[in-house]
């Protein structure tokens, strides 16, 4: 069993020493080197990596809630940084962090406990599917006539309008209609629909 308090303490010490942004890989490697993941070694590769990732994120989001005033823990997909901030900034950062869907996911240990090799494989497959489609999102947005920052309801409405106007039965071409369908599928994957 992993020791949350020890891992949180180790992460906080490591981040204080760095004084610069670090990647999650650096944090996981450090926790490996300090034997905090020793009890997880009996698993196959994907579930093991998922558990290390989940535990690291869980501890980071827990730390984010517990930091002393004047400190902020910035967590993004690419980098993590502990930094000194004014008390006003610190309060704003904490409030902004409280409503994140990712944050809720990683703070719920049931998500870790319920992870199976099959569910982790499915999670990875969906991630790579969305990731590969992400580069095509710009073109898909152009085809549907929406801004790249458009949210799902706007995309759905634009798709319905475009599909209607490009449908072969409504005077459009099969090629145009297929392009609209493909663009919609790309954006659908981006939003996990």
C-alpha atoms as a PDB file:
ATOM      1  CA  UNK A   1       0.000   0.000   0.000  1.00  0.00           C
ATOM      2  CA  UNK A   2       1.284   3.459  -0.829  1.00  0.00           C
ATOM      3  CA  UNK A   3       1.751   6.115   1.848  1.00  0.00           C
ATOM      4  CA  UNK A   4      -0.069   9.290   0.804  1.00  0.00           C
ATOM      5  CA  UNK A   5       1.445  11.483   3.504  1.00  0.00           C
ATOM      6  CA  UNK A   6       4.999  10.373   2.702  1.00  0.00           C
ATOM      7  CA  UNK A   7       4.500  10.855  -1.052  1.00  0.00           C
ATOM      8  CA  UNK A   8       2.938  14.299  -0.584  1.00  0.00           C
ATOM      9  CA  UNK A   9       5.795  15.326   1.676  1.00  0.00           C
ATOM     10  CA  UNK A  10       8.382  13.989  -0.803  1.00  0.00           C
ATOM     11  CA  UNK A  11       6.722  15.822  -3.714  1.00  0.00           C
ATOM     12  CA  UNK A  12       6.565  19.088  -1.786  1.00  0.00           C
ATOM     13  CA  UNK A  13      10.243  18.841  -0.813  1.00  0.00           C
ATOM     14  CA  UNK A  14      11.236  18.009  -4.387  1.00  0.00           C
ATOM     15  CA  UNK A  15       9.223  20.914  -5.840  1.00  0.00           C
ATOM     16  CA  UNK A  16      10.712  23.345  -3.297  1.00  0.00           C
ATOM     17  CA  UNK A  17      14.226  22.285  -4.309  1.00  0.00           C
ATOM     18  CA  UNK A  18      13.558  22.700  -8.022  1.00  0.00           C
ATOM     19  CA  UNK A  19      12.452  26.335  -8.011  1.00  0.00           C
ATOM     20  CA  UNK A  20      11.337  25.879 -11.641  1.00  0.00           C
ATOM     21  CA  UNK A  21       8.626  24.012 -13.534  1.00  0.00           C
ATOM     22  CA  UNK A  22       9.070  20.240 -13.744  1.00  0.00           C
ATOM     23  CA  UNK A  23       7.326  17.547 -15.727  1.00  0.00           C
ATOM     24  CA  UNK A  24       5.250  14.762 -14.266  1.00  0.00           C
ATOM     25  CA  UNK A  25       7.845  12.308 -15.556  1.00  0.00           C
ATOM     26  CA  UNK A  26      10.458  13.980 -13.326  1.00  0.00           C
ATOM     27  CA  UNK A  27       8.174  13.599 -10.310  1.00  0.00           C
ATOM     28  CA  UNK A  28       7.405   9.934 -11.021  1.00  0.00           C
ATOM     29  CA  UNK A  29      11.081   9.176 -11.613  1.00  0.00           C
ATOM     30  CA  UNK A  30      11.949  10.860  -8.302  1.00  0.00           C
ATOM     31  CA  UNK A  31       9.275   8.862  -6.453  1.00  0.00           C
ATOM     32  CA  UNK A  32      10.609   5.682  -8.083  1.00  0.00           C
ATOM     33  CA  UNK A  33      14.163   6.553  -7.022  1.00  0.00           C
ATOM     34  CA  UNK A  34      13.025   7.126  -3.436  1.00  0.00           C
ATOM     35  CA  UNK A  35      11.135   3.791  -3.405  1.00  0.00           C
ATOM     36  CA  UNK A  36       7.698   5.304  -2.834  1.00  0.00           C
ATOM     37  CA  UNK A  37       6.243   3.062  -5.538  1.00  0.00           C
ATOM     38  CA  UNK A  38       7.938  -0.153  -4.386  1.00  0.00           C
ATOM     39  CA  UNK A  39       4.631  -1.768  -3.411  1.00  0.00           C
ATOM     40  CA  UNK A  40       3.273  -1.291  -6.967  1.00  0.00           C
ATOM     41  CA  UNK A  41       5.964  -3.269  -8.804  1.00  0.00           C
ATOM     42  CA  UNK A  42       3.962  -6.486  -9.152  1.00  0.00           C
ATOM     43  CA  UNK A  43       1.669  -5.170 -11.899  1.00  0.00           C
ATOM     44  CA  UNK A  44       1.914  -5.210 -15.671  1.00  0.00           C
ATOM     45  CA  UNK A  45       3.147  -2.084 -17.489  1.00  0.00           C
ATOM     46  CA  UNK A  46      -0.014  -0.093 -18.315  1.00  0.00           C
ATOM     47  CA  UNK A  47      -1.781  -0.476 -14.951  1.00  0.00           C
ATOM     48  CA  UNK A  48       1.504   0.182 -13.130  1.00  0.00           C
ATOM     49  CA  UNK A  49       2.147   3.393 -15.055  1.00  0.00           C
ATOM     50  CA  UNK A  50      -1.481   4.464 -14.589  1.00  0.00           C
ATOM     51  CA  UNK A  51      -1.253   3.893 -10.820  1.00  0.00           C
ATOM     52  CA  UNK A  52       1.990   5.890 -10.564  1.00  0.00           C
ATOM     53  CA  UNK A  53       0.445   8.688 -12.608  1.00  0.00           C
ATOM     54  CA  UNK A  54      -2.794   8.650 -10.611  1.00  0.00           C
ATOM     55  CA  UNK A  55      -1.063   8.602  -7.217  1.00  0.00           C
ATOM     56  CA  UNK A  56       1.240  11.441  -8.268  1.00  0.00           C
ATOM     57  CA  UNK A  57      -1.682  13.550  -9.510  1.00  0.00           C
ATOM     58  CA  UNK A  58      -3.764  12.692  -6.437  1.00  0.00           C
ATOM     59  CA  UNK A  59      -0.987  13.906  -4.162  1.00  0.00           C
ATOM     60  CA  UNK A  60      -0.391  17.044  -6.230  1.00  0.00           C
ATOM     61  CA  UNK A  61      -4.069  18.030  -6.119  1.00  0.00           C
ATOM     62  CA  UNK A  62      -4.178  17.236  -2.399  1.00  0.00           C
ATOM     63  CA  UNK A  63      -1.137  19.443  -1.818  1.00  0.00           C
ATOM     64  CA  UNK A  64      -2.731  22.198  -3.864  1.00  0.00           C
ATOM     65  CA  UNK A  65      -5.573  22.330  -1.319  1.00  0.00           C
ATOM     66  CA  UNK A  66      -3.307  22.267   1.713  1.00  0.00           C
ATOM     67  CA  UNK A  67      -0.638  24.821   0.814  1.00  0.00           C
ATOM     68  CA  UNK A  68       0.131  27.592   3.238  1.00  0.00           C
ATOM     69  CA  UNK A  69      -1.044  31.072   2.232  1.00  0.00           C
ATOM     70  CA  UNK A  70       1.374  32.750  -0.134  1.00  0.00           C
ATOM     71  CA  UNK A  71       2.117  29.564  -2.069  1.00  0.00           C
ATOM     72  CA  UNK A  72       0.522  28.198  -5.212  1.00  0.00           C
ATOM     73  CA  UNK A  73       0.955  24.857  -6.902  1.00  0.00           C
ATOM     74  CA  UNK A  74       0.356  25.215 -10.616  1.00  0.00           C
ATOM     75  CA  UNK A  75      -0.557  21.912 -12.233  1.00  0.00           C
ATOM     76  CA  UNK A  76      -0.893  21.538 -15.979  1.00  0.00           C
ATOM     77  CA  UNK A  77      -0.532  18.606 -18.307  1.00  0.00           C
ATOM     78  CA  UNK A  78       3.005  19.660 -19.251  1.00  0.00           C
ATOM     79  CA  UNK A  79       4.465  21.124 -16.097  1.00  0.00           C
ATOM     80  CA  UNK A  80       4.076  21.466 -12.373  1.00  0.00           C
ATOM     81  CA  UNK A  81       5.494  24.332 -10.326  1.00  0.00           C
ATOM     82  CA  UNK A  82       5.421  25.420  -6.718  1.00  0.00           C
ATOM     83  CA  UNK A  83       5.750  29.183  -6.461  1.00  0.00           C
ATOM     84  CA  UNK A  84       5.472  32.038  -4.008  1.00  0.00           C
ATOM     85  CA  UNK A  85       2.558  34.387  -4.751  1.00  0.00           C
ATOM     86  CA  UNK A  86       0.747  37.264  -3.087  1.00  0.00           C
ATOM     87  CA  UNK A  87      -2.127  36.261  -0.814  1.00  0.00           C
ATOM     88  CA  UNK A  88      -4.658  37.713  -3.273  1.00  0.00           C
ATOM     89  CA  UNK A  89      -3.239  35.638  -6.135  1.00  0.00           C
ATOM     90  CA  UNK A  90      -3.073  32.597  -3.891  1.00  0.00           C
ATOM     91  CA  UNK A  91      -6.769  32.827  -2.995  1.00  0.00           C
ATOM     92  CA  UNK A  92      -7.698  33.298  -6.661  1.00  0.00           C
ATOM     93  CA  UNK A  93      -5.587  30.301  -7.690  1.00  0.00           C
ATOM     94  CA  UNK A  94      -7.102  28.059  -5.035  1.00  0.00           C
ATOM     95  CA  UNK A  95     -10.634  29.024  -5.990  1.00  0.00           C
ATOM     96  CA  UNK A  96      -9.919  28.447  -9.680  1.00  0.00           C
ATOM     97  CA  UNK A  97      -8.475  25.023  -8.919  1.00  0.00           C
ATOM     98  CA  UNK A  98     -11.465  23.917  -6.883  1.00  0.00           C
ATOM     99  CA  UNK A  99     -13.821  23.409  -9.822  1.00  0.00           C
ATOM    100  CA  UNK A 100     -11.750  21.330 -12.213  1.00  0.00           C
ATOM    101  CA  UNK A 101     -13.108  18.064 -13.543  1.00  0.00           C
ATOM    102  CA  UNK A 102      -9.609  16.589 -13.649  1.00  0.00           C
ATOM    103  CA  UNK A 103      -9.019  17.620 -10.076  1.00  0.00           C
ATOM    104  CA  UNK A 104     -12.208  15.875  -8.921  1.00  0.00           C
ATOM    105  CA  UNK A 105     -11.231  12.755 -10.844  1.00  0.00           C
ATOM    106  CA  UNK A 106      -7.776  12.499  -9.285  1.00  0.00           C
ATOM    107  CA  UNK A 107      -8.949  13.290  -5.756  1.00  0.00           C
ATOM    108  CA  UNK A 108     -11.460  10.422  -5.874  1.00  0.00           C
ATOM    109  CA  UNK A 109      -9.468   7.349  -4.870  1.00  0.00           C
ATOM    110  CA  UNK A 110     -12.314   5.124  -6.073  1.00  0.00           C
ATOM    111  CA  UNK A 111     -11.059   5.875  -9.610  1.00  0.00           C
ATOM    112  CA  UNK A 112      -7.729   4.317  -8.665  1.00  0.00           C
ATOM    113  CA  UNK A 113      -9.255   1.374  -6.817  1.00  0.00           C
ATOM    114  CA  UNK A 114     -11.605   0.528  -9.693  1.00  0.00           C
ATOM    115  CA  UNK A 115      -8.906   0.648 -12.378  1.00  0.00           C
ATOM    116  CA  UNK A 116      -8.333  -2.668 -14.110  1.00  0.00           C
ATOM    117  CA  UNK A 117      -5.938  -3.596 -16.874  1.00  0.00           C
ATOM    118  CA  UNK A 118      -8.851  -3.482 -19.314  1.00  0.00           C
ATOM    119  CA  UNK A 119     -10.113  -0.064 -18.120  1.00  0.00           C
ATOM    120  CA  UNK A 120      -6.583   1.390 -18.274  1.00  0.00           C
ATOM    121  CA  UNK A 121      -6.107   0.024 -21.808  1.00  0.00           C
ATOM    122  CA  UNK A 122      -9.440   1.572 -22.812  1.00  0.00           C
ATOM    123  CA  UNK A 123      -8.459   4.892 -21.219  1.00  0.00           C
ATOM    124  CA  UNK A 124      -5.167   4.897 -23.137  1.00  0.00           C
ATOM    125  CA  UNK A 125      -6.877   3.941 -26.380  1.00  0.00           C
ATOM    126  CA  UNK A 126      -9.356   6.819 -25.999  1.00  0.00           C
ATOM    127  CA  UNK A 127      -6.561   9.226 -25.119  1.00  0.00           C
ATOM    128  CA  UNK A 128      -4.562   8.360 -28.244  1.00  0.00           C
ATOM    129  CA  UNK A 129      -7.686   8.505 -30.375  1.00  0.00           C
ATOM    130  CA  UNK A 130      -8.450  12.033 -29.127  1.00  0.00           C
ATOM    131  CA  UNK A 131      -4.773  13.023 -29.307  1.00  0.00           C
ATOM    132  CA  UNK A 132      -4.396  11.926 -32.927  1.00  0.00           C
ATOM    133  CA  UNK A 133      -7.566  13.775 -33.864  1.00  0.00           C
ATOM    134  CA  UNK A 134      -6.492  16.944 -32.044  1.00  0.00           C
ATOM    135  CA  UNK A 135      -4.244  18.070 -34.896  1.00  0.00           C
ATOM    136  CA  UNK A 136      -7.152  17.756 -37.293  1.00  0.00           C
ATOM    137  CA  UNK A 137      -9.439  19.867 -35.088  1.00  0.00           C
ATOM    138  CA  UNK A 138      -8.424  23.133 -36.692  1.00  0.00           C
ATOM    139  CA  UNK A 139      -9.394  21.900 -40.149  1.00  0.00           C
ATOM    140  CA  UNK A 140     -12.584  20.313 -38.796  1.00  0.00           C
ATOM    141  CA  UNK A 141     -13.613  23.621 -37.222  1.00  0.00           C
ATOM    142  CA  UNK A 142     -13.053  25.397 -40.547  1.00  0.00           C
ATOM    143  CA  UNK A 143     -15.223  22.861 -42.371  1.00  0.00           C
ATOM    144  CA  UNK A 144     -18.068  23.329 -39.870  1.00  0.00           C
ATOM    145  CA  UNK A 145     -17.547  27.094 -39.752  1.00  0.00           C
ATOM    146  CA  UNK A 146     -16.892  27.384 -36.013  1.00  0.00           C
ATOM    147  CA  UNK A 147     -14.097  28.918 -33.984  1.00  0.00           C
ATOM    148  CA  UNK A 148     -11.507  26.529 -32.495  1.00  0.00           C
ATOM    149  CA  UNK A 149     -12.652  27.542 -29.013  1.00  0.00           C
ATOM    150  CA  UNK A 150     -16.276  26.540 -29.769  1.00  0.00           C
ATOM    151  CA  UNK A 151     -17.998  24.384 -27.179  1.00  0.00           C
ATOM    152  CA  UNK A 152     -19.975  21.211 -27.886  1.00  0.00           C
ATOM    153  CA  UNK A 153     -23.490  22.775 -28.256  1.00  0.00           C
ATOM    154  CA  UNK A 154     -22.191  25.283 -30.824  1.00  0.00           C
ATOM    155  CA  UNK A 155     -20.394  22.521 -32.749  1.00  0.00           C
ATOM    156  CA  UNK A 156     -23.497  20.327 -32.760  1.00  0.00           C
ATOM    157  CA  UNK A 157     -25.640  23.176 -34.087  1.00  0.00           C
ATOM    158  CA  UNK A 158     -23.092  24.055 -36.780  1.00  0.00           C
ATOM    159  CA  UNK A 159     -22.859  20.392 -37.800  1.00  0.00           C
ATOM    160  CA  UNK A 160     -26.628  20.075 -38.179  1.00  0.00           C
ATOM    161  CA  UNK A 161     -26.790  23.201 -40.322  1.00  0.00           C
ATOM    162  CA  UNK A 162     -23.832  22.161 -42.483  1.00  0.00           C
ATOM    163  CA  UNK A 163     -25.093  18.585 -42.858  1.00  0.00           C
ATOM    164  CA  UNK A 164     -28.470  19.877 -44.000  1.00  0.00           C
ATOM    165  CA  UNK A 165     -26.986  22.273 -46.549  1.00  0.00           C
ATOM    166  CA  UNK A 166     -24.421  19.816 -47.946  1.00  0.00           C
ATOM    167  CA  UNK A 167     -26.632  16.714 -48.035  1.00  0.00           C
ATOM    168  CA  UNK A 168     -26.978  15.349 -51.593  1.00  0.00           C
ATOM    169  CA  UNK A 169     -30.792  15.343 -51.245  1.00  0.00           C
ATOM    170  CA  UNK A 170     -30.661  19.079 -50.508  1.00  0.00           C
ATOM    171  CA  UNK A 171     -28.481  19.992 -53.486  1.00  0.00           C
ATOM    172  CA  UNK A 172     -25.061  19.373 -51.919  1.00  0.00           C
ATOM    173  CA  UNK A 173     -22.458  16.897 -53.057  1.00  0.00           C
ATOM    174  CA  UNK A 174     -21.589  13.543 -51.520  1.00  0.00           C
ATOM    175  CA  UNK A 175     -17.977  14.733 -51.131  1.00  0.00           C
ATOM    176  CA  UNK A 176     -18.968  17.851 -49.190  1.00  0.00           C
ATOM    177  CA  UNK A 177     -21.339  15.875 -47.017  1.00  0.00           C
ATOM    178  CA  UNK A 178     -18.635  13.265 -46.252  1.00  0.00           C
ATOM    179  CA  UNK A 179     -16.195  16.046 -45.297  1.00  0.00           C
ATOM    180  CA  UNK A 180     -18.777  17.483 -42.883  1.00  0.00           C
ATOM    181  CA  UNK A 181     -19.368  14.016 -41.375  1.00  0.00           C
ATOM    182  CA  UNK A 182     -15.617  13.440 -40.953  1.00  0.00           C
ATOM    183  CA  UNK A 183     -15.123  16.871 -39.370  1.00  0.00           C
ATOM    184  CA  UNK A 184     -17.952  16.179 -36.954  1.00  0.00           C
ATOM    185  CA  UNK A 185     -16.419  12.828 -35.948  1.00  0.00           C
ATOM    186  CA  UNK A 186     -13.059  14.490 -35.262  1.00  0.00           C
ATOM    187  CA  UNK A 187     -14.641  17.100 -33.017  1.00  0.00           C
ATOM    188  CA  UNK A 188     -16.877  14.507 -31.391  1.00  0.00           C
ATOM    189  CA  UNK A 189     -13.781  12.559 -30.352  1.00  0.00           C
ATOM    190  CA  UNK A 190     -12.167  15.743 -29.056  1.00  0.00           C
ATOM    191  CA  UNK A 191     -15.091  16.252 -26.696  1.00  0.00           C
ATOM    192  CA  UNK A 192     -15.272  12.561 -25.786  1.00  0.00           C
ATOM    193  CA  UNK A 193     -18.786  12.168 -27.180  1.00  0.00           C
END
